[in-house]
């Protein structure tokens, strides 16, 4: 892998023919910062002179430059993430999608997703964005336990995410995701199962569940360092994952990626694009892109991002070009995590021998010339990948 010392994109950058192409839009705004979050987000006090309207203007400039570079490539998926996209309101979100459509042709069956905080949504919000062309909503729920939400510094009430999911479905969204976090200090098995049961009862067709990670620099990391709350325990996290997986499976939601479950045809196509070798342009402060053999990322602060675009330049902060070795590592790392697994043909001869050894240890199954993680293998997915690779 070579990293450019001067951030500039190559003049011959082009989307690889035959691959899925997506647009990711990063919304950097949050009403408050959750204690566990290390995403590129900013509260009002941290924005300086940057505003949502200024961000919208800069985003339009970046999308126009993206179209000039990539040409009229059909967009298969759009994902608006953050941050808290729903803080923009329905009218601005509709405008964001319109700007994407002005820059690129949207495929007739394009999947268009937005993340949303339950507290900044309403029936009218969901109706408006559905009418604007959004097809999928992902809601941050985390837990129905008040004490768990308090440790995570989540501001929504325990039932609000469930109500928001019902409002989204009533507005015509067939694809609704609820996010869970497990392993929060103070969480019990009962707390987690209550949350999973609530998700199932909500009737959504997609669930994401992530083990709590204490990221450096977060408020939660400082609390752990001071001894106010314990760090998550790996054995407890593994047990909680098994609880989630078995409960969801019994309700008809099957895993298709280690941290994601869906009903049939409910998989998130945009995320599958990341995991299966698709390509995408990431627009917005701090967003990452990958096209051809090139990955790059934008300036993080909305002010610096907008200033660079208003000067007529792309807001690129860094560029790296992936060689065959880096592409292979990513293919194995991501492919193994999927329910459909990884083709044995993608492995070297020595990696195939190690795969047979992993299968003998009960970490993988090998069938139809593909490797698929077992339940135990999913608990140890990162270690399985490390052991497989040359």
Protein backbone atom coordinates (compact mmCIF):
# COMPACT_ATOMS: atom_id res chain seq x y z
CA UNK A 1 0.00 0.00 0.00
CA UNK A 2 1.34 3.42 -0.91
CA UNK A 3 0.14 6.56 0.90
CA UNK A 4 0.29 9.85 -0.94
CA UNK A 5 2.39 12.52 0.89
CA UNK A 6 0.36 15.20 -0.88
CA UNK A 7 -3.39 14.49 -0.86
CA UNK A 8 -4.45 14.51 -4.50
CA UNK A 9 -6.56 12.13 -6.53
CA UNK A 10 -5.24 10.59 -9.72
CA UNK A 11 -6.57 12.04 -12.95
CA UNK A 12 -7.49 8.58 -14.27
CA UNK A 13 -9.67 7.62 -11.29
CA UNK A 14 -12.61 5.53 -12.51
CA UNK A 15 -15.21 3.20 -11.06
CA UNK A 16 -14.35 -0.41 -11.91
CA UNK A 17 -16.93 -1.67 -14.45
CA UNK A 18 -19.37 -4.26 -13.16
CA UNK A 19 -19.07 -3.33 -9.48
CA UNK A 20 -21.81 -1.90 -7.28
CA UNK A 21 -21.44 1.86 -6.82
CA UNK A 22 -22.75 3.74 -3.81
CA UNK A 23 -22.81 7.26 -2.43
CA UNK A 24 -22.25 7.79 1.28
CA UNK A 25 -23.14 11.21 2.71
CA UNK A 26 -21.76 12.09 6.15
CA UNK A 27 -23.85 14.43 8.31
CA UNK A 28 -21.53 15.64 11.10
CA UNK A 29 -24.13 17.20 13.42
CA UNK A 30 -25.33 15.90 16.79
CA UNK A 31 -27.45 17.53 19.49
CA UNK A 32 -25.19 15.99 22.17
CA UNK A 33 -22.28 13.57 22.26
CA UNK A 34 -22.88 10.01 23.47
CA UNK A 35 -20.26 8.89 25.96
CA UNK A 36 -19.10 5.90 23.88
CA UNK A 37 -19.01 7.60 20.46
CA UNK A 38 -15.79 8.45 18.60
CA UNK A 39 -17.40 9.20 15.23
CA UNK A 40 -16.66 12.44 13.39
CA UNK A 41 -19.50 14.44 14.92
CA UNK A 42 -19.89 17.94 16.33
CA UNK A 43 -22.30 19.63 18.70
CA UNK A 44 -23.34 23.24 18.14
CA UNK A 45 -20.63 24.50 20.50
CA UNK A 46 -17.93 22.74 18.48
CA UNK A 47 -18.93 23.96 15.03
CA UNK A 48 -17.59 27.52 15.10
CA UNK A 49 -18.94 29.33 12.04
CA UNK A 50 -19.98 26.09 10.30
CA UNK A 51 -23.73 25.65 9.82
CA UNK A 52 -26.00 22.99 8.33
CA UNK A 53 -26.79 25.28 5.40
CA UNK A 54 -23.08 25.88 4.79
CA UNK A 55 -22.52 22.13 4.93
CA UNK A 56 -25.29 21.65 2.35
CA UNK A 57 -23.68 24.16 -0.01
CA UNK A 58 -20.28 22.47 0.35
CA UNK A 59 -21.83 19.04 -0.15
CA UNK A 60 -23.35 20.19 -3.42
CA UNK A 61 -19.92 21.33 -4.59
CA UNK A 62 -18.32 18.00 -3.67
CA UNK A 63 -21.01 15.98 -5.43
CA UNK A 64 -20.55 18.08 -8.56
CA UNK A 65 -16.81 17.38 -8.52
CA UNK A 66 -17.47 13.69 -7.90
CA UNK A 67 -19.71 13.56 -10.97
CA UNK A 68 -17.09 15.32 -13.08
CA UNK A 69 -14.48 12.72 -12.06
CA UNK A 70 -16.60 9.56 -12.18
CA UNK A 71 -18.89 10.37 -15.08
CA UNK A 72 -22.53 9.25 -15.30
CA UNK A 73 -22.12 6.07 -13.24
CA UNK A 74 -25.48 4.66 -12.04
CA UNK A 75 -25.77 4.78 -8.26
CA UNK A 76 -27.07 1.54 -6.76
CA UNK A 77 -27.25 2.70 -3.15
CA UNK A 78 -27.25 5.94 -1.17
CA UNK A 79 -26.59 6.01 2.57
CA UNK A 80 -26.92 9.17 4.68
CA UNK A 81 -25.12 8.60 7.98
CA UNK A 82 -23.66 10.53 10.82
CA UNK A 83 -23.83 12.06 13.25
CA UNK A 84 -27.56 12.54 13.29
CA UNK A 85 -29.02 13.01 9.79
CA UNK A 86 -32.53 13.41 11.19
CA UNK A 87 -31.41 16.66 12.88
CA UNK A 88 -31.39 18.19 9.39
CA UNK A 89 -35.15 17.73 9.15
CA UNK A 90 -37.10 16.18 6.32
CA UNK A 91 -36.79 19.10 3.89
CA UNK A 92 -32.99 19.20 4.05
CA UNK A 93 -32.73 15.40 3.78
CA UNK A 94 -34.95 15.53 0.71
CA UNK A 95 -32.64 18.16 -0.73
CA UNK A 96 -29.57 15.98 0.00
CA UNK A 97 -31.11 13.15 -2.00
CA UNK A 98 -32.07 15.53 -4.79
CA UNK A 99 -28.45 16.76 -4.97
CA UNK A 100 -27.21 13.19 -5.31
CA UNK A 101 -29.76 12.65 -8.09
CA UNK A 102 -28.65 15.83 -9.86
CA UNK A 103 -25.03 14.67 -9.84
CA UNK A 104 -25.52 10.99 -10.68
CA UNK A 105 -28.24 8.84 -12.28
CA UNK A 106 -29.97 6.75 -9.61
CA UNK A 107 -30.69 3.14 -10.54
CA UNK A 108 -34.40 2.39 -10.80
CA UNK A 109 -34.17 0.04 -7.82
CA UNK A 110 -31.71 2.15 -5.81
CA UNK A 111 -31.71 1.57 -2.06
CA UNK A 112 -31.75 4.93 -0.24
CA UNK A 113 -31.08 4.85 3.49
CA UNK A 114 -30.88 7.41 6.26
CA UNK A 115 -29.86 6.95 9.85
CA UNK A 116 -32.05 8.67 12.41
CA UNK A 117 -32.13 9.42 16.11
CA UNK A 118 -35.58 8.50 17.45
CA UNK A 119 -35.82 11.82 19.33
CA UNK A 120 -35.57 13.88 16.14
CA UNK A 121 -38.23 12.01 14.17
CA UNK A 122 -42.02 12.09 13.93
CA UNK A 123 -44.75 10.57 11.75
CA UNK A 124 -44.58 13.65 9.54
CA UNK A 125 -40.80 13.31 9.22
CA UNK A 126 -41.06 9.71 8.01
CA UNK A 127 -43.87 10.51 5.60
CA UNK A 128 -41.89 13.38 4.09
CA UNK A 129 -38.64 11.48 3.55
CA UNK A 130 -40.51 8.46 2.19
CA UNK A 131 -42.17 10.77 -0.31
CA UNK A 132 -38.77 12.21 -1.22
CA UNK A 133 -37.48 8.79 -2.24
CA UNK A 134 -35.87 7.27 0.85
CA UNK A 135 -36.51 3.53 1.03
CA UNK A 136 -34.79 2.48 4.25
CA UNK A 137 -34.41 3.85 7.79
CA UNK A 138 -31.88 2.87 10.44
CA UNK A 139 -32.76 3.90 13.99
CA UNK A 140 -30.37 4.06 16.93
CA UNK A 141 -32.04 2.19 19.79
CA UNK A 142 -29.17 0.61 21.78
CA UNK A 143 -31.37 -0.68 24.64
CA UNK A 144 -34.75 -0.46 26.33
CA UNK A 145 -33.11 -0.38 29.77
CA UNK A 146 -33.05 3.13 31.29
CA UNK A 147 -29.89 2.34 33.25
CA UNK A 148 -28.08 1.11 30.14
CA UNK A 149 -29.12 4.18 28.16
CA UNK A 150 -27.88 6.37 31.02
CA UNK A 151 -24.42 4.76 30.98
CA UNK A 152 -24.27 5.29 27.20
CA UNK A 153 -25.42 8.94 27.56
CA UNK A 154 -28.31 8.29 25.19
CA UNK A 155 -30.98 10.99 25.44
CA UNK A 156 -34.02 9.14 24.06
CA UNK A 157 -36.54 7.42 26.31
CA UNK A 158 -36.57 3.60 26.32
CA UNK A 159 -39.74 3.37 24.24
CA UNK A 160 -39.11 6.14 21.73
CA UNK A 161 -37.08 4.02 19.28
CA UNK A 162 -39.87 1.45 19.14
CA UNK A 163 -42.45 4.14 18.52
CA UNK A 164 -40.27 5.63 15.78
CA UNK A 165 -39.98 2.23 14.11
CA UNK A 166 -43.76 1.91 14.13
CA UNK A 167 -44.09 5.40 12.63
CA UNK A 168 -41.60 4.55 9.89
CA UNK A 169 -43.45 1.38 8.99
CA UNK A 170 -46.77 3.24 8.96
CA UNK A 171 -45.23 5.77 6.55
CA UNK A 172 -44.51 2.95 4.10
CA UNK A 173 -40.95 1.93 4.95
CA UNK A 174 -40.63 -1.82 4.45
CA UNK A 175 -36.97 -1.76 5.44
CA UNK A 176 -36.48 -0.57 9.01
CA UNK A 177 -33.39 -1.30 11.08
CA UNK A 178 -32.94 -1.03 14.85
CA UNK A 179 -29.43 -0.86 16.31
CA UNK A 180 -28.53 -2.52 19.61
CA UNK A 181 -25.39 -2.30 21.75
CA UNK A 182 -24.58 -5.13 24.16
CA UNK A 183 -22.05 -5.41 26.96
CA UNK A 184 -22.62 -2.00 28.55
CA UNK A 185 -21.39 -1.87 32.17
CA UNK A 186 -24.31 -2.71 34.45
CA UNK A 187 -26.30 -4.50 31.74
CA UNK A 188 -27.77 -7.87 32.69
CA UNK A 189 -28.75 -10.78 30.47
CA UNK A 190 -32.34 -9.82 31.19
CA UNK A 191 -31.78 -6.24 30.06
CA UNK A 192 -30.40 -7.45 26.76
CA UNK A 193 -33.11 -10.03 26.15
CA UNK A 194 -35.78 -7.43 26.94
CA UNK A 195 -34.25 -5.23 24.25
CA UNK A 196 -34.08 -8.05 21.70
CA UNK A 197 -37.67 -9.08 22.43
CA UNK A 198 -38.77 -5.47 21.99
CA UNK A 199 -37.04 -5.31 18.60
CA UNK A 200 -38.73 -8.52 17.51
CA UNK A 201 -42.13 -7.27 18.67
CA UNK A 202 -41.59 -4.03 16.71
CA UNK A 203 -41.77 -6.06 13.49
CA UNK A 204 -38.67 -4.58 11.84
CA UNK A 205 -36.90 -6.62 9.19
CA UNK A 206 -33.31 -5.80 10.13
CA UNK A 207 -31.32 -5.66 13.38
CA UNK A 208 -27.72 -4.62 13.98
CA UNK A 209 -26.09 -5.56 17.30
CA UNK A 210 -22.63 -4.41 18.27
CA UNK A 211 -20.43 -5.22 21.25
CA UNK A 212 -19.60 -2.09 23.22
CA UNK A 213 -16.05 -0.95 22.47
CA UNK A 214 -14.41 1.57 24.78
CA UNK A 215 -12.72 3.92 22.33
CA UNK A 216 -9.78 6.09 23.40
CA UNK A 217 -10.67 9.73 23.89
CA UNK A 218 -14.35 9.15 24.69
CA UNK A 219 -16.13 10.08 27.91
CA UNK A 220 -16.74 6.38 28.55
CA UNK A 221 -13.01 5.65 28.29
CA UNK A 222 -12.32 8.31 30.89
CA UNK A 223 -14.93 6.80 33.22
CA UNK A 224 -13.40 3.35 32.82
CA UNK A 225 -9.91 4.75 33.46
CA UNK A 226 -11.12 6.44 36.65
CA UNK A 227 -12.69 3.18 37.83
CA UNK A 228 -16.24 4.54 37.79
CA UNK A 229 -17.48 1.71 35.54
CA UNK A 230 -15.83 -1.59 34.59
CA UNK A 231 -14.49 -2.29 31.11
CA UNK A 232 -16.57 -4.76 29.07
CA UNK A 233 -15.58 -8.37 29.70
CA UNK A 234 -14.76 -10.48 26.61
CA UNK A 235 -16.42 -13.61 27.98
CA UNK A 236 -19.57 -11.67 28.84
CA UNK A 237 -19.59 -10.10 25.36
CA UNK A 238 -19.36 -13.54 23.75
CA UNK A 239 -22.21 -14.85 25.90
CA UNK A 240 -24.36 -11.82 25.06
CA UNK A 241 -23.70 -12.28 21.36
CA UNK A 242 -24.97 -15.85 21.60
CA UNK A 243 -28.10 -14.63 23.39
CA UNK A 244 -28.79 -12.10 20.63
CA UNK A 245 -28.12 -14.53 17.79
CA UNK A 246 -30.27 -17.35 19.14
CA UNK A 247 -33.20 -15.11 20.05
CA UNK A 248 -33.22 -13.39 16.67
CA UNK A 249 -32.79 -16.64 14.76
CA UNK A 250 -35.76 -18.16 16.59
CA UNK A 251 -37.83 -15.16 15.46
CA UNK A 252 -36.86 -15.58 11.79
CA UNK A 253 -34.07 -12.99 11.64
CA UNK A 254 -30.96 -14.74 10.33
CA UNK A 255 -27.42 -13.44 10.45
CA UNK A 256 -25.91 -12.36 7.13
CA UNK A 257 -22.89 -10.54 8.55
CA UNK A 258 -21.38 -11.12 11.97
CA UNK A 259 -23.13 -8.09 13.51
CA UNK A 260 -26.22 -7.93 11.31
CA UNK A 261 -29.44 -9.96 11.07
CA UNK A 262 -32.39 -9.66 8.70
CA UNK A 263 -35.52 -11.29 7.44
CA UNK A 264 -35.28 -12.69 3.89
CA UNK A 265 -34.43 -9.92 1.39
CA UNK A 266 -33.99 -7.41 4.23
CA UNK A 267 -30.21 -7.13 3.99
CA UNK A 268 -28.71 -3.65 3.71
CA UNK A 269 -27.42 -3.50 0.14
CA UNK A 270 -25.25 -0.45 0.78
CA UNK A 271 -23.30 -2.16 3.54
CA UNK A 272 -23.06 -5.32 1.46
CA UNK A 273 -21.36 -3.16 -1.15
CA UNK A 274 -18.64 -2.31 1.38
CA UNK A 275 -18.20 -5.97 2.32
CA UNK A 276 -18.23 -7.53 -1.15
CA UNK A 277 -15.84 -5.34 -3.13
CA UNK A 278 -18.18 -2.56 -4.22
CA UNK A 279 -17.01 1.01 -4.67
CA UNK A 280 -18.30 4.28 -3.30
CA UNK A 281 -17.81 8.00 -3.06
CA UNK A 282 -18.01 9.29 0.50
CA UNK A 283 -19.12 12.91 0.59
CA UNK A 284 -19.04 15.12 3.66
CA UNK A 285 -16.55 15.93 6.44
CA UNK A 286 -14.34 12.96 7.31
CA UNK A 287 -16.05 10.64 4.81
CA UNK A 288 -13.99 7.85 3.22
CA UNK A 289 -14.17 6.82 -0.45
CA UNK A 290 -12.90 3.85 -2.44
CA UNK A 291 -12.77 3.79 -6.23
CA UNK A 292 -10.56 1.67 -8.49
CA UNK A 293 -7.55 0.88 -6.32
CA UNK A 294 -7.64 4.19 -4.44
CA UNK A 295 -8.97 5.08 -1.00
CA UNK A 296 -9.13 8.61 0.33
CA UNK A 297 -10.69 10.52 3.18
CA UNK A 298 -11.91 14.07 3.64
CA UNK A 299 -10.97 16.81 6.06
CA UNK A 300 -12.84 16.21 9.30
CA UNK A 301 -14.06 19.58 10.53
CA UNK A 302 -17.08 20.99 8.67
CA UNK A 303 -15.46 24.43 8.55
CA UNK A 304 -12.24 23.23 6.92
CA UNK A 305 -14.25 20.92 4.63
CA UNK A 306 -16.40 23.78 3.36
CA UNK A 307 -13.50 26.18 3.02
CA UNK A 308 -11.55 23.79 0.78
CA UNK A 309 -14.55 23.22 -1.50
CA UNK A 310 -15.30 26.93 -1.72
CA UNK A 311 -11.73 27.36 -2.94
CA UNK A 312 -12.53 25.02 -5.84
CA UNK A 313 -10.60 22.00 -4.53
CA UNK A 314 -11.71 18.63 -3.23
CA UNK A 315 -11.50 18.43 0.59
CA UNK A 316 -9.08 15.48 0.54
CA UNK A 317 -7.08 14.93 3.73
CA UNK A 318 -5.25 11.74 2.73
CA UNK A 319 -4.95 9.23 -0.11
CA UNK A 320 -3.73 5.66 -0.25
CA UNK A 321 -3.36 3.31 -3.17
CA UNK A 322 -4.02 -0.35 -2.41
CA UNK A 323 -1.81 -3.01 -3.90
CA UNK A 324 -2.70 -6.65 -4.49
CA UNK A 325 -1.69 -7.62 -0.95
CA UNK A 326 -3.91 -5.01 0.70
CA UNK A 327 -6.85 -5.88 -1.54
CA UNK A 328 -6.46 -9.56 -0.67
CA UNK A 329 -6.37 -8.88 3.07
CA UNK A 330 -9.57 -6.86 2.85
CA UNK A 331 -11.29 -9.47 0.70
CA UNK A 332 -10.55 -12.18 3.27
CA UNK A 333 -11.26 -10.00 6.30
CA UNK A 334 -14.66 -8.87 5.03
CA UNK A 335 -15.73 -11.96 3.09
CA UNK A 336 -15.23 -14.35 5.98
CA UNK A 337 -17.65 -12.28 8.11
CA UNK A 338 -20.53 -12.89 5.70
CA UNK A 339 -23.12 -15.66 5.83
CA UNK A 340 -22.31 -16.45 2.20
CA UNK A 341 -18.68 -16.77 3.20
CA UNK A 342 -15.57 -16.58 1.08
CA UNK A 343 -14.66 -18.59 -2.01
CA UNK A 344 -11.79 -20.97 -1.32
CA UNK A 345 -10.38 -19.94 -4.69
CA UNK A 346 -9.63 -16.51 -3.21
CA UNK A 347 -7.04 -18.05 -0.86
CA UNK A 348 -3.44 -18.99 -1.48
CA UNK A 349 -2.41 -22.63 -1.16
CA UNK A 350 -1.01 -22.10 2.33
CA UNK A 351 -4.13 -20.17 3.39
CA UNK A 352 -6.29 -23.06 2.18
CA UNK A 353 -4.34 -25.46 4.38
CA UNK A 354 -4.91 -23.20 7.37
CA UNK A 355 -8.60 -23.02 6.47
CA UNK A 356 -8.81 -26.80 6.67
CA UNK A 357 -7.19 -26.59 10.10
CA UNK A 358 -9.70 -23.95 11.23
CA UNK A 359 -12.52 -26.19 10.02
CA UNK A 360 -11.10 -29.08 12.06
CA UNK A 361 -11.18 -26.79 15.12
CA UNK A 362 -14.86 -26.04 14.53
CA UNK A 363 -14.33 -22.42 13.50
CA UNK A 364 -15.31 -22.79 9.84
CA UNK A 365 -17.36 -25.00 7.60
CA UNK A 366 -16.27 -25.72 4.05
CA UNK A 367 -18.99 -26.52 1.55
CA UNK A 368 -19.62 -25.72 -2.10
CA UNK A 369 -16.04 -24.43 -2.22
CA UNK A 370 -16.79 -21.65 0.28
CA UNK A 371 -15.67 -20.94 3.83
CA UNK A 372 -18.38 -19.96 6.33
CA UNK A 373 -17.87 -19.17 10.00
CA UNK A 374 -19.55 -21.40 12.58
CA UNK A 375 -21.22 -19.79 15.58
CA UNK A 376 -18.00 -20.25 17.55
CA UNK A 377 -16.06 -18.88 14.61
CA UNK A 378 -18.18 -15.74 14.59
CA UNK A 379 -17.19 -15.10 18.20
CA UNK A 380 -13.54 -15.30 17.13
CA UNK A 381 -13.84 -13.81 13.64
CA UNK A 382 -10.88 -11.44 13.91
CA UNK A 383 -8.61 -14.20 15.19
CA UNK A 384 -9.79 -16.56 12.43
CA UNK A 385 -8.83 -13.99 9.80
CA UNK A 386 -5.42 -13.37 11.37
CA UNK A 387 -4.70 -17.09 11.43
CA UNK A 388 -5.81 -17.59 7.82
CA UNK A 389 -3.76 -14.90 6.18
CA UNK A 390 -0.22 -15.47 4.92
